[in-house]
Amino acid sequence: MNAIDHFRLLARYNRIANERLYEKCDELSDGEYRAQRRGSFGSIHALLNHMLLGDRIWMSRFMGEGQTTPWLATILYDDFTELRSARAREDSGIEGFFTTIDETFLEKTLSYTNSKGVHYTDPMLNAVLHMFNHQTHHRGQVHVMLSQTEIQPPSLDMHRILNP
């Protein structure tokens, strides 16, 4: 399996893991969903918004846009249903994007300015790896936040999701 095949697998895993996570978050009361908790961005609501924003930032960069970075705590959608729909569209787009690229994509470099105004040029391979790692990192945080509620967090084990 080459790197592109791995990224296609990660894109598929990302979609399924997000579907499972959002399904459980949908069972929360609005108060539990928005409750302040320890962890990045302070609530499940804010963290899910950040995850979507992060994916949009990276995907925009991969498509040759998005050279600057917006505020990382931006709330894109205050309504959970709208956020869930946007997440599904984004995940579909990520999967679609990775079906169209080839190895030459990973040989490129990526230039952008981060949210603190610092300019970077990274190897594309590292940027793509970071995007998928970022998703997994924050899904784990949402998983922990869910475990602090009455809702049982979903299994997000990649090998179980992709080989049920």
C-alpha atoms as a PDB file:
ATOM      1  CA  MET A   1       0.000   0.000   0.000  1.00  0.00           C
ATOM      2  CA  ASN A   2       1.461   3.379  -0.991  1.00  0.00           C
ATOM      3  CA  ALA A   3       1.060   6.691   0.873  1.00  0.00           C
ATOM      4  CA  ILE A   4      -1.937   7.773  -1.214  1.00  0.00           C
ATOM      5  CA  ASP A   5      -3.746   4.518  -0.403  1.00  0.00           C
ATOM      6  CA  HIS A   6      -3.023   5.121   3.287  1.00  0.00           C
ATOM      7  CA  PHE A   7      -4.483   8.620   3.085  1.00  0.00           C
ATOM      8  CA  ARG A   8      -7.585   7.285   1.342  1.00  0.00           C
ATOM      9  CA  LEU A   9      -7.946   4.794   4.178  1.00  0.00           C
ATOM     10  CA  LEU A  10      -7.539   7.573   6.745  1.00  0.00           C
ATOM     11  CA  ALA A  11     -10.140   9.695   4.953  1.00  0.00           C
ATOM     12  CA  ARG A  12     -12.604   6.794   5.096  1.00  0.00           C
ATOM     13  CA  TYR A  13     -11.814   6.169   8.766  1.00  0.00           C
ATOM     14  CA  ASN A  14     -12.216   9.884   9.501  1.00  0.00           C
ATOM     15  CA  ARG A  15     -15.702   9.906   7.978  1.00  0.00           C
ATOM     16  CA  ILE A  16     -16.900   6.815   9.815  1.00  0.00           C
ATOM     17  CA  ALA A  17     -15.372   7.872  13.148  1.00  0.00           C
ATOM     18  CA  ASN A  18     -17.001  11.296  12.872  1.00  0.00           C
ATOM     19  CA  GLU A  19     -20.357   9.717  12.030  1.00  0.00           C
ATOM     20  CA  ARG A  20     -20.108   7.567  15.171  1.00  0.00           C
ATOM     21  CA  LEU A  21     -19.028  10.473  17.339  1.00  0.00           C
ATOM     22  CA  TYR A  22     -21.781  12.777  16.104  1.00  0.00           C
ATOM     23  CA  GLU A  23     -24.379  10.036  16.563  1.00  0.00           C
ATOM     24  CA  LYS A  24     -23.475   9.872  20.264  1.00  0.00           C
ATOM     25  CA  CYS A  25     -23.259  13.654  20.639  1.00  0.00           C
ATOM     26  CA  ASP A  26     -26.777  13.864  19.211  1.00  0.00           C
ATOM     27  CA  GLU A  27     -27.988  11.939  22.280  1.00  0.00           C
ATOM     28  CA  LEU A  28     -26.781  14.690  24.633  1.00  0.00           C
ATOM     29  CA  SER A  29     -29.056  17.351  26.022  1.00  0.00           C
ATOM     30  CA  ASP A  30     -28.151  20.827  24.802  1.00  0.00           C
ATOM     31  CA  GLY A  31     -26.860  21.657  28.285  1.00  0.00           C
ATOM     32  CA  GLU A  32     -24.518  18.654  28.347  1.00  0.00           C
ATOM     33  CA  TYR A  33     -23.401  19.329  24.775  1.00  0.00           C
ATOM     34  CA  ARG A  34     -22.447  22.928  25.608  1.00  0.00           C
ATOM     35  CA  ALA A  35     -21.230  22.339  29.189  1.00  0.00           C
ATOM     36  CA  GLN A  36     -17.788  23.692  30.012  1.00  0.00           C
ATOM     37  CA  ARG A  37     -15.316  20.842  30.419  1.00  0.00           C
ATOM     38  CA  ARG A  38     -11.586  20.447  30.800  1.00  0.00           C
ATOM     39  CA  GLY A  39      -9.874  20.094  27.465  1.00  0.00           C
ATOM     40  CA  SER A  40      -9.290  21.991  24.283  1.00  0.00           C
ATOM     41  CA  PHE A  41     -11.813  24.728  23.512  1.00  0.00           C
ATOM     42  CA  GLY A  42     -13.826  24.050  26.695  1.00  0.00           C
ATOM     43  CA  SER A  43     -16.898  22.169  25.429  1.00  0.00           C
ATOM     44  CA  ILE A  44     -17.945  19.450  23.041  1.00  0.00           C
ATOM     45  CA  HIS A  45     -19.724  22.104  20.968  1.00  0.00           C
ATOM     46  CA  ALA A  46     -16.645  24.308  20.638  1.00  0.00           C
ATOM     47  CA  LEU A  47     -14.323  21.369  20.009  1.00  0.00           C
ATOM     48  CA  LEU A  48     -16.498  19.929  17.218  1.00  0.00           C
ATOM     49  CA  ASN A  49     -16.541  23.365  15.595  1.00  0.00           C
ATOM     50  CA  HIS A  50     -12.760  23.585  15.888  1.00  0.00           C
ATOM     51  CA  MET A  51     -12.323  20.164  14.293  1.00  0.00           C
ATOM     52  CA  LEU A  52     -14.442  21.191  11.319  1.00  0.00           C
ATOM     53  CA  LEU A  53     -12.609  24.502  11.043  1.00  0.00           C
ATOM     54  CA  GLY A  54      -9.255  22.728  11.131  1.00  0.00           C
ATOM     55  CA  ASP A  55     -10.254  20.379   8.339  1.00  0.00           C
ATOM     56  CA  ARG A  56     -11.543  23.268   6.260  1.00  0.00           C
ATOM     57  CA  ILE A  57      -8.301  25.176   6.773  1.00  0.00           C
ATOM     58  CA  TRP A  58      -6.114  22.250   5.735  1.00  0.00           C
ATOM     59  CA  MET A  59      -8.275  21.197   2.816  1.00  0.00           C
ATOM     60  CA  SER A  60      -8.335  24.780   1.553  1.00  0.00           C
ATOM     61  CA  ARG A  61      -4.553  24.863   1.727  1.00  0.00           C
ATOM     62  CA  PHE A  62      -4.291  21.539  -0.094  1.00  0.00           C
ATOM     63  CA  MET A  63      -6.407  23.006  -2.890  1.00  0.00           C
ATOM     64  CA  GLY A  64      -4.124  26.032  -3.251  1.00  0.00           C
ATOM     65  CA  GLU A  65      -6.139  28.498  -1.168  1.00  0.00           C
ATOM     66  CA  GLY A  66      -6.251  29.422   2.519  1.00  0.00           C
ATOM     67  CA  GLN A  67      -2.811  30.933   2.918  1.00  0.00           C
ATOM     68  CA  THR A  68      -3.905  32.668   6.141  1.00  0.00           C
ATOM     69  CA  THR A  69      -5.490  31.067   9.183  1.00  0.00           C
ATOM     70  CA  PRO A  70      -8.654  32.293  10.921  1.00  0.00           C
ATOM     71  CA  TRP A  71      -9.136  32.366  14.689  1.00  0.00           C
ATOM     72  CA  LEU A  72      -9.051  28.698  15.746  1.00  0.00           C
ATOM     73  CA  ALA A  73     -11.895  29.019  18.263  1.00  0.00           C
ATOM     74  CA  THR A  74     -14.339  30.249  15.620  1.00  0.00           C
ATOM     75  CA  ILE A  75     -17.840  28.833  16.066  1.00  0.00           C
ATOM     76  CA  LEU A  76     -18.902  27.999  12.530  1.00  0.00           C
ATOM     77  CA  TYR A  77     -22.315  26.621  13.473  1.00  0.00           C
ATOM     78  CA  ASP A  78     -24.173  27.279  16.695  1.00  0.00           C
ATOM     79  CA  ASP A  79     -26.842  24.692  15.822  1.00  0.00           C
ATOM     80  CA  PHE A  80     -25.781  21.051  16.265  1.00  0.00           C
ATOM     81  CA  THR A  81     -27.875  19.781  13.334  1.00  0.00           C
ATOM     82  CA  GLU A  82     -26.285  22.308  10.977  1.00  0.00           C
ATOM     83  CA  LEU A  83     -22.824  21.475  12.320  1.00  0.00           C
ATOM     84  CA  ARG A  84     -23.460  17.761  11.821  1.00  0.00           C
ATOM     85  CA  SER A  85     -24.581  18.322   8.223  1.00  0.00           C
ATOM     86  CA  ALA A  86     -21.537  20.482   7.511  1.00  0.00           C
ATOM     87  CA  ARG A  87     -19.289  17.829   9.044  1.00  0.00           C
ATOM     88  CA  ALA A  88     -20.791  15.151   6.785  1.00  0.00           C
ATOM     89  CA  ARG A  89     -20.274  17.343   3.710  1.00  0.00           C
ATOM     90  CA  GLU A  90     -16.684  18.077   4.710  1.00  0.00           C
ATOM     91  CA  ASP A  91     -15.900  14.415   5.289  1.00  0.00           C
ATOM     92  CA  SER A  92     -17.359  13.531   1.915  1.00  0.00           C
ATOM     93  CA  GLY A  93     -15.205  16.230   0.343  1.00  0.00           C
ATOM     94  CA  ILE A  94     -12.085  14.956   2.099  1.00  0.00           C
ATOM     95  CA  GLU A  95     -12.727  11.440   0.824  1.00  0.00           C
ATOM     96  CA  GLY A  96     -13.377  12.736  -2.665  1.00  0.00           C
ATOM     97  CA  PHE A  97     -10.242  14.867  -2.673  1.00  0.00           C
ATOM     98  CA  PHE A  98      -7.994  11.975  -1.717  1.00  0.00           C
ATOM     99  CA  THR A  99      -9.439   9.825  -4.497  1.00  0.00           C
ATOM    100  CA  THR A 100      -8.246  12.399  -7.058  1.00  0.00           C
ATOM    101  CA  ILE A 101      -4.637  12.981  -6.001  1.00  0.00           C
ATOM    102  CA  ASP A 102      -1.539  11.043  -6.989  1.00  0.00           C
ATOM    103  CA  GLU A 103       1.976  10.690  -5.589  1.00  0.00           C
ATOM    104  CA  THR A 104       3.099  13.962  -7.192  1.00  0.00           C
ATOM    105  CA  PHE A 105       0.767  15.818  -4.812  1.00  0.00           C
ATOM    106  CA  LEU A 106       2.794  14.575  -1.849  1.00  0.00           C
ATOM    107  CA  GLU A 107       6.038  15.815  -3.435  1.00  0.00           C
ATOM    108  CA  LYS A 108       4.883  19.446  -3.227  1.00  0.00           C
ATOM    109  CA  THR A 109       5.445  21.959  -0.459  1.00  0.00           C
ATOM    110  CA  LEU A 110       2.755  23.963   1.272  1.00  0.00           C
ATOM    111  CA  SER A 111       3.146  27.624   2.253  1.00  0.00           C
ATOM    112  CA  TYR A 112       0.760  29.333   4.657  1.00  0.00           C
ATOM    113  CA  THR A 113       0.547  31.710   7.610  1.00  0.00           C
ATOM    114  CA  ASN A 114      -0.689  30.255  10.886  1.00  0.00           C
ATOM    115  CA  SER A 115      -3.150  31.854  13.312  1.00  0.00           C
ATOM    116  CA  LYS A 116      -0.298  33.666  15.096  1.00  0.00           C
ATOM    117  CA  GLY A 117       0.927  35.298  11.881  1.00  0.00           C
ATOM    118  CA  VAL A 118       3.955  33.028  11.470  1.00  0.00           C
ATOM    119  CA  HIS A 119       4.714  31.929   7.913  1.00  0.00           C
ATOM    120  CA  TYR A 120       5.560  28.279   7.253  1.00  0.00           C
ATOM    121  CA  THR A 121       6.520  26.157   4.299  1.00  0.00           C
ATOM    122  CA  ASP A 122       6.014  22.456   5.006  1.00  0.00           C
ATOM    123  CA  PRO A 123       6.419  19.317   2.946  1.00  0.00           C
ATOM    124  CA  MET A 124       2.939  18.344   1.733  1.00  0.00           C
ATOM    125  CA  LEU A 125       3.339  14.851   3.160  1.00  0.00           C
ATOM    126  CA  ASN A 126       3.842  16.273   6.658  1.00  0.00           C
ATOM    127  CA  ALA A 127       0.877  18.624   6.288  1.00  0.00           C
ATOM    128  CA  VAL A 128      -1.451  15.799   5.255  1.00  0.00           C
ATOM    129  CA  LEU A 129      -0.201  13.611   8.093  1.00  0.00           C
ATOM    130  CA  HIS A 130      -0.812  16.494  10.496  1.00  0.00           C
ATOM    131  CA  MET A 131      -4.382  16.992   9.297  1.00  0.00           C
ATOM    132  CA  PHE A 132      -5.294  13.356   9.942  1.00  0.00           C
ATOM    133  CA  ASN A 133      -3.435  13.333  13.256  1.00  0.00           C
ATOM    134  CA  HIS A 134      -5.206  16.545  14.313  1.00  0.00           C
ATOM    135  CA  GLN A 135      -8.585  14.937  13.637  1.00  0.00           C
ATOM    136  CA  THR A 136      -7.729  11.879  15.702  1.00  0.00           C
ATOM    137  CA  HIS A 137      -6.292  13.956  18.554  1.00  0.00           C
ATOM    138  CA  HIS A 138      -9.428  16.051  18.955  1.00  0.00           C
ATOM    139  CA  ARG A 139     -11.837  13.141  18.428  1.00  0.00           C
ATOM    140  CA  GLY A 140     -10.101  11.558  21.411  1.00  0.00           C
ATOM    141  CA  GLN A 141     -10.769  14.681  23.441  1.00  0.00           C
ATOM    142  CA  VAL A 142     -14.460  14.637  22.509  1.00  0.00           C
ATOM    143  CA  HIS A 143     -14.506  10.955  23.451  1.00  0.00           C
ATOM    144  CA  VAL A 144     -13.175  11.840  26.918  1.00  0.00           C
ATOM    145  CA  MET A 145     -15.712  14.665  27.263  1.00  0.00           C
ATOM    146  CA  LEU A 146     -18.508  12.260  26.314  1.00  0.00           C
ATOM    147  CA  SER A 147     -17.312   9.842  28.987  1.00  0.00           C
ATOM    148  CA  GLN A 148     -18.051  12.584  31.533  1.00  0.00           C
ATOM    149  CA  THR A 149     -21.750  12.378  30.616  1.00  0.00           C
ATOM    150  CA  GLU A 150     -24.378   9.656  30.764  1.00  0.00           C
ATOM    151  CA  ILE A 151     -23.739   8.834  27.091  1.00  0.00           C
ATOM    152  CA  GLN A 152     -21.389   5.939  26.368  1.00  0.00           C
ATOM    153  CA  PRO A 153     -18.697   7.093  23.916  1.00  0.00           C
ATOM    154  CA  PRO A 154     -18.474   5.093  20.683  1.00  0.00           C
ATOM    155  CA  SER A 155     -15.656   2.755  19.771  1.00  0.00           C
ATOM    156  CA  LEU A 156     -13.290   4.652  17.505  1.00  0.00           C
ATOM    157  CA  ASP A 157     -10.668   1.937  17.086  1.00  0.00           C
ATOM    158  CA  MET A 158      -9.558   2.215  13.479  1.00  0.00           C
ATOM    159  CA  HIS A 159      -8.994  -1.498  12.953  1.00  0.00           C
ATOM    160  CA  ARG A 160     -12.511  -2.254  14.218  1.00  0.00           C
ATOM    161  CA  ILE A 161     -14.176   0.479  12.201  1.00  0.00           C
ATOM    162  CA  LEU A 162     -12.511  -0.498   8.939  1.00  0.00           C
ATOM    163  CA  ASN A 163     -12.789  -4.263   9.498  1.00  0.00           C
ATOM    164  CA  PRO A 164     -16.038  -4.806  11.427  1.00  0.00           C
END
